[in-house]
Protein backbone atom coordinates (compact mmCIF):
# COMPACT_ATOMS: atom_id res chain seq x y z
CA MET A 1 92.32 89.75 115.14
CA PRO A 2 88.68 89.01 114.02
CA ALA A 3 86.35 91.97 113.57
CA SER A 4 83.75 90.45 115.93
CA LEU A 5 86.25 90.47 118.77
CA SER A 6 87.09 94.14 118.21
CA ILE A 7 83.36 94.99 118.25
CA ALA A 8 82.93 93.07 121.50
CA ILE A 9 85.84 94.97 123.04
CA PHE A 10 84.33 98.28 121.89
CA ILE A 11 80.89 97.44 123.38
CA PHE A 12 82.43 96.31 126.65
CA GLY A 13 84.38 99.57 126.83
CA ALA A 14 81.20 101.57 126.15
CA VAL A 15 79.38 99.75 128.96
CA LEU A 16 82.20 100.47 131.39
CA LEU A 17 82.28 104.10 130.27
CA LEU A 18 78.55 104.53 130.94
CA ILE A 19 78.93 102.88 134.34
CA GLY A 20 81.64 105.39 135.14
CA LEU A 21 79.56 108.32 133.89
CA LEU A 22 76.05 107.33 135.09
CA GLY A 23 76.79 104.96 137.93
CA GLY A 24 74.30 102.35 136.59
CA ALA A 25 70.61 102.02 135.71
CA PHE A 26 70.93 102.04 131.89
CA LYS A 27 70.54 99.71 128.91
CA LEU A 28 72.97 99.55 125.94
CA PHE A 29 73.11 97.09 123.04
CA GLY A 30 70.90 94.63 124.89
CA THR A 31 73.00 94.91 128.06
CA GLU A 32 71.06 96.21 131.06
CA VAL A 33 72.71 97.50 134.24
CA THR A 34 70.12 97.86 136.99
CA GLY A 35 72.10 98.62 140.12
CA THR A 36 74.35 101.54 140.97
CA VAL A 37 77.99 101.59 142.02
CA GLY A 38 80.11 103.74 144.33
CA PRO A 39 82.49 106.53 143.35
CA CYS A 40 85.63 104.39 143.38
CA VAL A 41 84.08 101.77 141.10
CA ARG A 42 82.79 104.50 138.79
CA ILE A 43 86.27 105.98 138.43
CA ALA A 44 87.76 102.56 137.75
CA ALA A 45 85.00 101.75 135.24
CA LEU A 46 85.53 105.11 133.53
CA ILE A 47 89.28 104.50 133.09
CA LEU A 48 88.77 100.91 131.92
CA GLY A 49 85.99 101.97 129.56
CA VAL A 50 88.18 104.56 127.85
CA GLY A 51 90.97 101.99 127.56
CA PHE A 52 88.78 99.30 126.03
CA ILE A 53 87.19 101.73 123.56
CA ALA A 54 90.65 102.93 122.48
CA TRP A 55 91.76 99.33 122.13
CA GLY A 56 88.79 98.45 119.93
CA LEU A 57 89.30 101.52 117.73
CA ALA A 58 93.00 100.74 117.36
CA ILE A 59 92.24 97.21 116.21
CA GLU A 60 89.75 98.48 113.61
CA HIS A 61 92.20 101.12 112.41
CA HIS A 62 95.26 98.89 111.96
CA SER A 63 93.70 95.65 110.74
CA PRO A 64 93.00 96.77 107.09
CA ALA A 65 96.46 98.30 106.74
CA THR A 66 98.28 95.18 107.86
CA THR A 67 96.34 92.92 105.52
CA ALA A 68 96.67 95.26 102.53
CA VAL A 69 100.46 95.68 102.63
CA PRO A 70 101.42 92.09 101.66
CA VAL A 71 98.92 92.18 98.76
CA ALA A 72 100.40 95.39 97.42
CA ARG A 73 103.94 94.03 97.68
CA ALA A 74 102.98 90.73 96.06
CA GLU A 75 101.50 92.53 93.05
CA THR A 76 104.39 94.92 92.51
CA SER A 77 107.49 93.02 93.72
CA GLU A 78 108.17 90.85 90.62
CA PRO A 79 107.58 93.08 87.53
CA PRO A 80 110.11 95.85 88.38
CA THR A 81 112.99 93.37 88.61
CA PRO A 82 113.36 92.52 84.88
CA ARG A 83 112.52 96.08 83.81
CA GLY A 84 115.06 97.57 86.23
CA THR A 85 117.74 95.12 85.09
CA ALA A 86 117.18 95.90 81.42
CA LEU A 87 117.25 99.64 81.95
CA ALA A 88 120.43 99.40 84.02
CA ALA A 89 122.15 97.19 81.44
CA GLU A 90 121.56 99.47 78.42
CA PRO A 91 123.12 102.67 79.82
CA ALA A 92 126.12 100.69 81.13
CA ALA A 93 126.82 99.29 77.66
CA THR A 94 126.15 102.67 76.04
CA ARG A 95 128.53 104.46 78.38
CA THR A 96 131.32 101.87 78.17
CA MET A 97 131.54 101.40 74.39
CA PRO A 98 131.87 105.07 73.30
CA ALA A 99 134.21 105.87 76.22
CA THR A 100 136.88 103.33 75.24
CA ALA A 101 136.50 102.79 71.49
CA PRO A 102 137.26 106.35 70.24
CA LEU A 103 140.30 106.64 72.50
CA GLU A 104 141.75 103.34 71.30
CA SER A 105 141.05 104.13 67.63
CA ALA A 106 142.66 107.56 68.01
CA MET A 107 145.78 105.99 69.49
CA GLU A 108 146.00 103.60 66.54
CA ALA A 109 145.27 106.24 63.88
CA PHE A 110 147.95 108.74 64.87
CA ASN A 111 151.27 106.97 64.49
CA LEU A 112 153.95 109.65 64.35
CA THR A 113 156.86 107.36 63.48
CA GLY A 114 158.71 108.71 60.44
CA MET A 115 160.43 111.80 59.02
CA TRP A 116 158.98 115.31 59.48
CA ARG A 117 160.04 118.84 58.50
CA ASP A 118 159.02 122.35 59.61
CA GLU A 119 159.02 125.73 57.79
CA THR A 120 162.64 126.48 58.75
CA GLY A 121 163.94 123.30 57.10
CA THR A 122 164.55 121.46 60.38
CA VAL A 123 164.10 117.71 59.90
CA TYR A 124 162.67 115.52 62.69
CA GLN A 125 163.15 111.79 63.09
CA VAL A 126 160.23 110.55 65.22
CA SER A 127 159.67 107.12 66.80
CA GLN A 128 156.52 106.25 68.71
CA HIS A 129 155.74 103.59 71.33
CA GLY A 130 152.08 103.59 72.32
CA SER A 131 151.16 107.10 73.42
CA VAL A 132 154.80 108.17 73.95
CA PHE A 133 157.05 109.45 71.17
CA GLU A 134 160.71 110.52 70.91
CA PHE A 135 162.37 112.75 68.35
CA GLN A 136 165.74 114.06 67.17
CA ALA A 137 165.81 117.23 65.10
CA SER A 138 168.57 118.89 63.06
CA ASN A 139 168.91 121.80 60.65
CA ALA A 140 171.69 121.50 58.07
CA LEU A 141 171.75 125.26 57.38
CA THR A 142 171.94 126.56 60.95
CA GLY A 143 173.57 123.57 62.64
CA ALA A 144 170.85 123.57 65.29
CA ARG A 145 170.00 120.24 66.87
CA ALA A 146 167.38 119.18 69.39
CA GLU A 147 165.98 116.07 70.99
CA GLY A 148 163.02 115.40 73.22
CA THR A 149 160.06 113.26 74.21
CA GLY A 150 156.33 113.76 74.01
CA ARG A 151 152.97 112.22 74.76
CA LEU A 152 149.76 111.82 72.75
CA GLN A 153 146.21 112.06 74.08
CA GLY A 154 143.83 111.67 71.17
CA ARG A 155 144.75 114.41 68.67
CA ASN A 156 146.53 116.51 71.32
CA TRP A 157 150.24 116.28 72.06
CA THR A 158 152.74 117.73 74.53
CA SER A 159 156.55 117.59 74.51
CA ASP A 160 159.73 118.54 76.35
CA PHE A 161 163.01 119.15 74.51
CA ARG A 162 166.56 120.45 74.78
CA THR A 163 168.81 121.98 72.12
CA ASN A 164 172.53 122.35 71.49
CA ILE A 165 172.45 126.15 72.03
CA PRO A 166 172.04 125.04 74.88
CA SER A 167 168.40 125.64 75.83
CA THR A 168 165.35 123.73 76.99
CA GLY A 169 161.68 124.13 76.22
CA THR A 170 158.18 122.73 76.03
CA GLY A 171 155.63 122.41 73.26
CA SER A 172 151.97 121.53 72.85
CA GLY A 173 149.52 121.37 69.98
CA MET A 174 147.23 119.27 67.84
CA ILE A 175 147.58 116.72 65.06
CA SER A 176 145.66 117.31 61.83
CA GLN A 177 142.73 115.06 60.99
CA ASP A 178 144.74 113.12 58.37
CA GLY A 179 147.67 112.70 60.79
CA ASN A 180 150.21 114.35 58.47
CA GLN A 181 150.69 117.68 60.26
CA MET A 182 151.54 118.70 63.82
CA MET A 183 150.51 122.27 64.66
CA GLY A 184 152.03 123.58 67.86
CA SER A 185 153.20 126.40 70.10
CA TYR A 186 156.59 126.32 71.84
CA ARG A 187 158.38 128.08 74.63
CA ASP A 188 162.18 128.01 74.58
CA THR A 189 164.51 129.39 77.27
CA SER A 190 166.58 131.07 74.54
CA TYR A 191 164.19 131.78 71.63
CA GLY A 192 161.15 132.61 73.75
CA SER A 193 157.62 131.78 72.49
CA TYR A 194 156.95 130.81 68.88
CA SER A 195 154.78 128.48 66.81
CA HIS A 196 155.17 126.44 63.64
CA THR A 197 153.77 123.45 61.79
CA ILE A 198 155.65 120.22 61.22
CA ALA A 199 154.66 118.19 58.15
CA ARG A 200 155.26 114.50 57.48
CA ILE A 201 157.66 113.86 54.62
CA GLN A 202 158.14 110.11 54.97
């Protein structure tokens, strides 16, 4: 709404307000009221005057804000889009590459397939398929035999086994950095808890 119209509304409200307060016989902004009015007209003029003044002030108060908002949006709406996209793309790539690459390389590096032997002379024949491995173990001196399955997660491994005693048990441990040793702790229903290292021999 034009500023001149809001000023006109404000002046008209002021005239009505003075009519309500004084009853007439005044001059304001070049407008002269010579006669006087009755009480009912004064009350009506007073109410209308307050309303028109409030209306004029409201127009003056809201007009700058409404015209300034589109300008502010127009200046700032375009630049953040490419910057925001670039910033969002870099962390996504950074998070994705390290999260998958080391895990895949670790799976490829630690291939347990082959022959292994521990400190007691027990020989293990191991075959691996992805992250799962199977083994058969035997000791020529004691006649002990065992078989079981296990799973790799990076350098860590877990296994379940059963022996010809008979007994069952579980094991867990870590593979050495060069992939030629498996250090672990075991819990057997017959032997109890123990630990040993299995070394690759073939």
